Amino acid sequence: MPDAREAAETLRTRGVEPLSDPFSVATGWIVEVADAAGNIIGFTDYTANPSLGRTAGH
């Protein structure tokens, strides 16, 4: 996830309301949403420490 804060805005424009505003963690930012079954799905970026993030396919 390149930018969790941007993802939150994109989700909102598509009718998916995050459970809260994105919040800061040691590696960057997290935004959480719930699916129809109530499962919580978190999107995390690594903007504060990119070396810890994974790239696509890894």
N, C-alpha and C. Protein backbone atom coordinates (compact mmCIF):
# COMPACT_ATOMS: atom_id res chain seq x y z
N MET A 1 0.86 -1.16 0.00
CA MET A 1 0.00 0.00 0.00
C MET A 1 0.91 1.23 0.00
N PRO A 2 0.93 2.00 -1.08
CA PRO A 2 1.80 3.17 -1.13
C PRO A 2 1.42 4.27 -0.13
N ASP A 3 0.12 4.50 0.10
CA ASP A 3 -0.30 5.59 0.98
C ASP A 3 -1.68 5.28 1.57
N ALA A 4 -1.71 4.89 2.82
CA ALA A 4 -2.96 4.51 3.47
C ALA A 4 -3.92 5.68 3.59
N ARG A 5 -3.40 6.88 3.78
CA ARG A 5 -4.28 8.06 3.88
C ARG A 5 -4.99 8.32 2.56
N GLU A 6 -4.27 8.16 1.46
CA GLU A 6 -4.88 8.32 0.14
C GLU A 6 -5.90 7.21 -0.11
N ALA A 7 -5.58 6.00 0.32
CA ALA A 7 -6.51 4.88 0.17
C ALA A 7 -7.81 5.15 0.91
N ALA A 8 -7.72 5.74 2.09
CA ALA A 8 -8.93 6.06 2.86
C ALA A 8 -9.83 7.00 2.08
N GLU A 9 -9.26 8.01 1.45
CA GLU A 9 -10.05 8.95 0.67
C GLU A 9 -10.67 8.26 -0.55
N THR A 10 -9.91 7.40 -1.21
CA THR A 10 -10.43 6.67 -2.36
C THR A 10 -11.59 5.77 -1.94
N LEU A 11 -11.42 5.06 -0.82
CA LEU A 11 -12.49 4.20 -0.33
C LEU A 11 -13.75 5.01 -0.05
N ARG A 12 -13.60 6.16 0.59
CA ARG A 12 -14.76 7.02 0.90
C ARG A 12 -15.49 7.44 -0.37
N THR A 13 -14.74 7.81 -1.40
CA THR A 13 -15.39 8.25 -2.64
C THR A 13 -16.13 7.11 -3.32
N ARG A 14 -15.78 5.88 -2.97
CA ARG A 14 -16.43 4.70 -3.55
C ARG A 14 -17.47 4.10 -2.61
N GLY A 15 -17.79 4.83 -1.55
CA GLY A 15 -18.86 4.40 -0.66
C GLY A 15 -18.46 3.47 0.47
N VAL A 16 -17.17 3.29 0.69
CA VAL A 16 -16.69 2.45 1.79
C VAL A 16 -16.16 3.37 2.88
N GLU A 17 -16.83 3.36 4.02
CA GLU A 17 -16.45 4.26 5.11
C GLU A 17 -15.45 3.56 6.03
N PRO A 18 -14.25 4.11 6.18
CA PRO A 18 -13.28 3.55 7.13
C PRO A 18 -13.85 3.55 8.55
N LEU A 19 -13.37 2.63 9.37
CA LEU A 19 -13.83 2.55 10.76
C LEU A 19 -13.40 3.76 11.57
N SER A 20 -12.29 4.38 11.18
CA SER A 20 -11.80 5.60 11.81
C SER A 20 -10.91 6.31 10.81
N ASP A 21 -10.47 7.49 11.17
CA ASP A 21 -9.49 8.17 10.33
C ASP A 21 -8.21 7.35 10.34
N PRO A 22 -7.40 7.45 9.27
CA PRO A 22 -6.12 6.76 9.29
C PRO A 22 -5.32 7.17 10.54
N PHE A 23 -4.58 6.22 11.08
CA PHE A 23 -3.79 6.54 12.26
C PHE A 23 -2.34 6.13 12.06
N SER A 24 -1.48 6.86 12.75
CA SER A 24 -0.04 6.70 12.62
C SER A 24 0.46 5.53 13.46
N VAL A 25 1.38 4.76 12.88
CA VAL A 25 2.09 3.70 13.59
C VAL A 25 3.58 3.87 13.26
N ALA A 26 4.42 3.07 13.87
CA ALA A 26 5.87 3.23 13.71
C ALA A 26 6.32 3.16 12.25
N THR A 27 5.65 2.36 11.43
CA THR A 27 6.08 2.20 10.04
C THR A 27 5.44 3.19 9.07
N GLY A 28 4.35 3.82 9.46
CA GLY A 28 3.64 4.75 8.57
C GLY A 28 2.23 4.98 9.04
N TRP A 29 1.25 4.59 8.20
CA TRP A 29 -0.16 4.83 8.49
C TRP A 29 -0.99 3.58 8.24
N ILE A 30 -2.12 3.47 8.96
CA ILE A 30 -3.06 2.36 8.80
C ILE A 30 -4.47 2.94 8.66
N VAL A 31 -5.26 2.32 7.78
CA VAL A 31 -6.69 2.60 7.70
C VAL A 31 -7.40 1.25 7.74
N GLU A 32 -8.50 1.18 8.47
CA GLU A 32 -9.24 -0.08 8.61
C GLU A 32 -10.67 0.09 8.13
N VAL A 33 -11.17 -0.98 7.50
CA VAL A 33 -12.56 -1.05 7.06
C VAL A 33 -13.12 -2.40 7.50
N ALA A 34 -14.43 -2.54 7.49
CA ALA A 34 -15.07 -3.82 7.80
C ALA A 34 -15.81 -4.29 6.56
N ASP A 35 -15.72 -5.58 6.29
CA ASP A 35 -16.47 -6.14 5.18
C ASP A 35 -17.89 -6.48 5.64
N ALA A 36 -18.70 -7.00 4.74
CA ALA A 36 -20.11 -7.27 5.04
C ALA A 36 -20.29 -8.29 6.16
N ALA A 37 -19.30 -9.15 6.37
CA ALA A 37 -19.37 -10.16 7.44
C ALA A 37 -18.80 -9.64 8.76
N GLY A 38 -18.33 -8.40 8.76
CA GLY A 38 -17.79 -7.82 9.98
C GLY A 38 -16.30 -8.04 10.19
N ASN A 39 -15.64 -8.66 9.22
CA ASN A 39 -14.19 -8.82 9.31
C ASN A 39 -13.50 -7.48 9.15
N ILE A 40 -12.52 -7.21 9.96
CA ILE A 40 -11.78 -5.95 9.86
C ILE A 40 -10.57 -6.17 8.96
N ILE A 41 -10.44 -5.29 7.98
CA ILE A 41 -9.35 -5.35 7.00
C ILE A 41 -8.53 -4.09 7.16
N GLY A 42 -7.24 -4.25 7.37
CA GLY A 42 -6.36 -3.11 7.55
C GLY A 42 -5.45 -2.92 6.35
N PHE A 43 -5.29 -1.67 5.95
CA PHE A 43 -4.36 -1.30 4.89
C PHE A 43 -3.25 -0.49 5.54
N THR A 44 -2.02 -0.97 5.41
CA THR A 44 -0.88 -0.34 6.06
C THR A 44 0.11 0.14 5.01
N ASP A 45 0.62 1.35 5.19
CA ASP A 45 1.72 1.79 4.34
C ASP A 45 3.00 1.81 5.17
N TYR A 46 4.10 1.96 4.51
CA TYR A 46 5.40 1.97 5.17
C TYR A 46 6.14 3.26 4.83
N THR A 47 5.41 4.36 4.82
CA THR A 47 6.00 5.64 4.45
C THR A 47 7.05 6.11 5.45
N ALA A 48 6.95 5.70 6.71
CA ALA A 48 7.92 6.11 7.72
C ALA A 48 9.16 5.22 7.71
N ASN A 49 9.04 4.02 7.16
CA ASN A 49 10.17 3.08 7.12
C ASN A 49 10.02 2.16 5.91
N PRO A 50 10.24 2.69 4.71
CA PRO A 50 10.02 1.93 3.49
C PRO A 50 10.80 0.62 3.40
N SER A 51 11.92 0.52 4.06
CA SER A 51 12.72 -0.70 3.96
C SER A 51 12.01 -1.91 4.54
N LEU A 52 10.99 -1.71 5.37
CA LEU A 52 10.25 -2.82 5.95
C LEU A 52 9.08 -3.29 5.08
N GLY A 53 8.71 -2.49 4.09
CA GLY A 53 7.58 -2.84 3.23
C GLY A 53 7.95 -3.89 2.21
N ARG A 54 6.92 -4.57 1.70
CA ARG A 54 7.12 -5.56 0.65
C ARG A 54 6.73 -4.95 -0.67
N THR A 55 7.31 -5.45 -1.74
CA THR A 55 6.94 -5.03 -3.08
C THR A 55 5.98 -6.05 -3.67
N ALA A 56 5.29 -5.69 -4.71
CA ALA A 56 4.33 -6.60 -5.35
C ALA A 56 5.02 -7.91 -5.74
N GLY A 57 4.38 -9.01 -5.43
CA GLY A 57 4.91 -10.30 -5.80
C GLY A 57 5.90 -10.90 -4.81
N HIS A 58 6.14 -10.21 -3.71
CA HIS A 58 7.10 -10.73 -2.72
C HIS A 58 6.47 -10.90 -1.37
